[in-house]
Amino acid sequence: MHISFPEDLKKQFHAACALRGLKMSQVVVELIKQWLASEAQSVGELKG
């Protein structure tokens, strides 16, 4: 997957990941999982 976003945001994200000893891809995967779980819950609530 290739995504584009502002360079300053990329630098901030890279620095935050580096401080925690994490790879950016690890964090992105976790964020996507969290977002998908949240979306599934929202859809479930709509179907209610």
PDB file of N, CA and C in Angstrom:
ATOM      1  N   MET A   1       0.859  -1.167   0.000  1.00  0.00           N
ATOM      2  CA  MET A   1       0.000   0.000   0.000  1.00  0.00           C
ATOM      3  C   MET A   1       0.904   1.228   0.000  1.00  0.00           C
ATOM      4  N   HIS A   2       0.495   2.196  -0.747  1.00  0.00           N
ATOM      5  CA  HIS A   2       1.230   3.458  -0.781  1.00  0.00           C
ATOM      6  C   HIS A   2       0.246   4.580  -0.470  1.00  0.00           C
ATOM      7  N   ILE A   3       0.603   5.400   0.512  1.00  0.00           N
ATOM      8  CA  ILE A   3      -0.251   6.533   0.839  1.00  0.00           C
ATOM      9  C   ILE A   3       0.584   7.812   0.818  1.00  0.00           C
ATOM     10  N   SER A   4      -0.073   8.900   0.550  1.00  0.00           N
ATOM     11  CA  SER A   4       0.592  10.205   0.547  1.00  0.00           C
ATOM     12  C   SER A   4      -0.033  11.086   1.617  1.00  0.00           C
ATOM     13  N   PHE A   5       0.829  11.759   2.367  1.00  0.00           N
ATOM     14  CA  PHE A   5       0.357  12.734   3.334  1.00  0.00           C
ATOM     15  C   PHE A   5       1.457  13.764   3.537  1.00  0.00           C
ATOM     16  N   PRO A   6       1.129  14.883   4.163  1.00  0.00           N
ATOM     17  CA  PRO A   6       2.087  15.984   4.279  1.00  0.00           C
ATOM     18  C   PRO A   6       3.407  15.550   4.927  1.00  0.00           C
ATOM     19  N   GLU A   7       4.491  16.093   4.410  1.00  0.00           N
ATOM     20  CA  GLU A   7       5.832  15.737   4.887  1.00  0.00           C
ATOM     21  C   GLU A   7       6.010  16.030   6.370  1.00  0.00           C
ATOM     22  N   ASP A   8       5.470  17.140   6.856  1.00  0.00           N
ATOM     23  CA  ASP A   8       5.621  17.463   8.277  1.00  0.00           C
ATOM     24  C   ASP A   8       4.913  16.438   9.157  1.00  0.00           C
ATOM     25  N   LEU A   9       3.771  15.940   8.702  1.00  0.00           N
ATOM     26  CA  LEU A   9       3.061  14.907   9.454  1.00  0.00           C
ATOM     27  C   LEU A   9       3.859  13.610   9.457  1.00  0.00           C
ATOM     28  N   LYS A  10       4.461  13.282   8.323  1.00  0.00           N
ATOM     29  CA  LYS A  10       5.296  12.084   8.227  1.00  0.00           C
ATOM     30  C   LYS A  10       6.486  12.173   9.186  1.00  0.00           C
ATOM     31  N   LYS A  11       7.118  13.331   9.250  1.00  0.00           N
ATOM     32  CA  LYS A  11       8.265  13.513  10.143  1.00  0.00           C
ATOM     33  C   LYS A  11       7.855  13.363  11.604  1.00  0.00           C
ATOM     34  N   GLN A  12       6.716  13.938  11.962  1.00  0.00           N
ATOM     35  CA  GLN A  12       6.227  13.827  13.343  1.00  0.00           C
ATOM     36  C   GLN A  12       5.915  12.374  13.689  1.00  0.00           C
ATOM     37  N   PHE A  13       5.257  11.690  12.762  1.00  0.00           N
ATOM     38  CA  PHE A  13       4.892  10.294  12.971  1.00  0.00           C
ATOM     39  C   PHE A  13       6.145   9.431  13.090  1.00  0.00           C
ATOM     40  N   HIS A  14       7.105   9.651  12.211  1.00  0.00           N
ATOM     41  CA  HIS A  14       8.353   8.894  12.236  1.00  0.00           C
ATOM     42  C   HIS A  14       9.073   9.093  13.567  1.00  0.00           C
ATOM     43  N   ALA A  15       9.142  10.337  14.026  1.00  0.00           N
ATOM     44  CA  ALA A  15       9.815  10.644  15.286  1.00  0.00           C
ATOM     45  C   ALA A  15       9.108   9.985  16.471  1.00  0.00           C
ATOM     46  N   ALA A  16       7.778  10.048  16.495  1.00  0.00           N
ATOM     47  CA  ALA A  16       7.013   9.448  17.588  1.00  0.00           C
ATOM     48  C   ALA A  16       7.213   7.933  17.622  1.00  0.00           C
ATOM     49  N   CYS A  17       7.230   7.317  16.463  1.00  0.00           N
ATOM     50  CA  CYS A  17       7.453   5.865  16.394  1.00  0.00           C
ATOM     51  C   CYS A  17       8.866   5.526  16.851  1.00  0.00           C
ATOM     52  N   ALA A  18       9.842   6.295  16.390  1.00  0.00           N
ATOM     53  CA  ALA A  18      11.241   6.049  16.756  1.00  0.00           C
ATOM     54  C   ALA A  18      11.452   6.166  18.257  1.00  0.00           C
ATOM     55  N   LEU A  19      10.820   7.146  18.879  1.00  0.00           N
ATOM     56  CA  LEU A  19      10.952   7.315  20.334  1.00  0.00           C
ATOM     57  C   LEU A  19      10.453   6.094  21.100  1.00  0.00           C
ATOM     58  N   ARG A  20       9.493   5.402  20.521  1.00  0.00           N
ATOM     59  CA  ARG A  20       8.902   4.225  21.170  1.00  0.00           C
ATOM     60  C   ARG A  20       9.526   2.917  20.669  1.00  0.00           C
ATOM     61  N   GLY A  21      10.479   3.026  19.765  1.00  0.00           N
ATOM     62  CA  GLY A  21      11.130   1.836  19.232  1.00  0.00           C
ATOM     63  C   GLY A  21      10.236   1.016  18.325  1.00  0.00           C
ATOM     64  N   LEU A  22       9.302   1.688  17.669  1.00  0.00           N
ATOM     65  CA  LEU A  22       8.349   1.004  16.797  1.00  0.00           C
ATOM     66  C   LEU A  22       8.592   1.368  15.350  1.00  0.00           C
ATOM     67  N   LYS A  23       8.251   0.462  14.454  1.00  0.00           N
ATOM     68  CA  LYS A  23       8.281   0.762  13.030  1.00  0.00           C
ATOM     69  C   LYS A  23       6.957   1.429  12.673  1.00  0.00           C
ATOM     70  N   MET A  24       7.021   2.360  11.750  1.00  0.00           N
ATOM     71  CA  MET A  24       5.808   3.059  11.338  1.00  0.00           C
ATOM     72  C   MET A  24       4.764   2.064  10.842  1.00  0.00           C
ATOM     73  N   SER A  25       5.185   1.035  10.133  1.00  0.00           N
ATOM     74  CA  SER A  25       4.228   0.052   9.611  1.00  0.00           C
ATOM     75  C   SER A  25       3.506  -0.682  10.729  1.00  0.00           C
ATOM     76  N   GLN A  26       4.199  -0.957  11.841  1.00  0.00           N
ATOM     77  CA  GLN A  26       3.555  -1.612  12.982  1.00  0.00           C
ATOM     78  C   GLN A  26       2.411  -0.745  13.518  1.00  0.00           C
ATOM     79  N   VAL A  27       2.679   0.539  13.644  1.00  0.00           N
ATOM     80  CA  VAL A  27       1.685   1.460  14.187  1.00  0.00           C
ATOM     81  C   VAL A  27       0.523   1.612  13.209  1.00  0.00           C
ATOM     82  N   VAL A  28       0.825   1.711  11.928  1.00  0.00           N
ATOM     83  CA  VAL A  28      -0.235   1.851  10.928  1.00  0.00           C
ATOM     84  C   VAL A  28      -1.150   0.626  10.950  1.00  0.00           C
ATOM     85  N   VAL A  29      -0.579  -0.564  11.033  1.00  0.00           N
ATOM     86  CA  VAL A  29      -1.394  -1.786  11.085  1.00  0.00           C
ATOM     87  C   VAL A  29      -2.296  -1.759  12.312  1.00  0.00           C
ATOM     88  N   GLU A  30      -1.765  -1.369  13.459  1.00  0.00           N
ATOM     89  CA  GLU A  30      -2.567  -1.315  14.678  1.00  0.00           C
ATOM     90  C   GLU A  30      -3.689  -0.283  14.554  1.00  0.00           C
ATOM     91  N   LEU A  31      -3.379   0.867  13.994  1.00  0.00           N
ATOM     92  CA  LEU A  31      -4.400   1.902  13.806  1.00  0.00           C
ATOM     93  C   LEU A  31      -5.503   1.435  12.862  1.00  0.00           C
ATOM     94  N   ILE A  32      -5.132   0.743  11.793  1.00  0.00           N
ATOM     95  CA  ILE A  32      -6.137   0.226  10.865  1.00  0.00           C
ATOM     96  C   ILE A  32      -7.020  -0.799  11.559  1.00  0.00           C
ATOM     97  N   LYS A  33      -6.434  -1.679  12.357  1.00  0.00           N
ATOM     98  CA  LYS A  33      -7.225  -2.679  13.091  1.00  0.00           C
ATOM     99  C   LYS A  33      -8.213  -1.999  14.033  1.00  0.00           C
ATOM    100  N   GLN A  34      -7.732  -0.979  14.746  1.00  0.00           N
ATOM    101  CA  GLN A  34      -8.610  -0.253  15.665  1.00  0.00           C
ATOM    102  C   GLN A  34      -9.742   0.436  14.913  1.00  0.00           C
ATOM    103  N   TRP A  35      -9.425   1.041  13.786  1.00  0.00           N
ATOM    104  CA  TRP A  35     -10.436   1.740  12.996  1.00  0.00           C
ATOM    105  C   TRP A  35     -11.468   0.756  12.462  1.00  0.00           C
ATOM    106  N   LEU A  36     -11.013  -0.385  11.956  1.00  0.00           N
ATOM    107  CA  LEU A  36     -11.947  -1.390  11.445  1.00  0.00           C
ATOM    108  C   LEU A  36     -12.862  -1.912  12.550  1.00  0.00           C
ATOM    109  N   ALA A  37     -12.316  -2.135  13.734  1.00  0.00           N
ATOM    110  CA  ALA A  37     -13.132  -2.592  14.857  1.00  0.00           C
ATOM    111  C   ALA A  37     -14.172  -1.538  15.223  1.00  0.00           C
ATOM    112  N   SER A  38     -13.774  -0.280  15.204  1.00  0.00           N
ATOM    113  CA  SER A  38     -14.691   0.811  15.509  1.00  0.00           C
ATOM    114  C   SER A  38     -15.786   0.908  14.453  1.00  0.00           C
ATOM    115  N   GLU A  39     -15.414   0.755  13.206  1.00  0.00           N
ATOM    116  CA  GLU A  39     -16.393   0.799  12.116  1.00  0.00           C
ATOM    117  C   GLU A  39     -17.381  -0.355  12.218  1.00  0.00           C
ATOM    118  N   ALA A  40     -16.880  -1.537  12.546  1.00  0.00           N
ATOM    119  CA  ALA A  40     -17.755  -2.705  12.684  1.00  0.00           C
ATOM    120  C   ALA A  40     -18.757  -2.476  13.804  1.00  0.00           C
ATOM    121  N   GLN A  41     -18.296  -1.862  14.892  1.00  0.00           N
ATOM    122  CA  GLN A  41     -19.187  -1.570  16.012  1.00  0.00           C
ATOM    123  C   GLN A  41     -20.228  -0.528  15.592  1.00  0.00           C
ATOM    124  N   SER A  42     -19.800   0.491  14.871  1.00  0.00           N
ATOM    125  CA  SER A  42     -20.727   1.529  14.412  1.00  0.00           C
ATOM    126  C   SER A  42     -21.782   0.957  13.486  1.00  0.00           C
ATOM    127  N   VAL A  43     -21.374   0.097  12.578  1.00  0.00           N
ATOM    128  CA  VAL A  43     -22.318  -0.529  11.646  1.00  0.00           C
ATOM    129  C   VAL A  43     -23.295  -1.406  12.424  1.00  0.00           C
ATOM    130  N   GLY A  44     -22.777  -2.125  13.408  1.00  0.00           N
ATOM    131  CA  GLY A  44     -23.650  -2.964  14.243  1.00  0.00           C
ATOM    132  C   GLY A  44     -24.673  -2.140  14.989  1.00  0.00           C
ATOM    133  N   GLU A  45     -24.270  -0.977  15.463  1.00  0.00           N
ATOM    134  CA  GLU A  45     -25.191  -0.094  16.168  1.00  0.00           C
ATOM    135  C   GLU A  45     -26.257   0.449  15.229  1.00  0.00           C
ATOM    136  N   LEU A  46     -25.870   0.711  13.989  1.00  0.00           N
ATOM    137  CA  LEU A  46     -26.840   1.226  13.011  1.00  0.00           C
ATOM    138  C   LEU A  46     -27.866   0.155  12.659  1.00  0.00           C
ATOM    139  N   LYS A  47     -27.393  -1.109  12.571  1.00  0.00           N
ATOM    140  CA  LYS A  47     -28.300  -2.200  12.247  1.00  0.00           C
ATOM    141  C   LYS A  47     -29.207  -2.522  13.421  1.00  0.00           C
ATOM    142  N   GLY A  48     -28.672  -2.239  14.641  1.00  0.00           N
ATOM    143  CA  GLY A  48     -29.321  -2.387  15.907  1.00  0.00           C
ATOM    144  C   GLY A  48     -30.416  -3.258  16.040  1.00  0.00           C
TER     145      GLY A  48
END
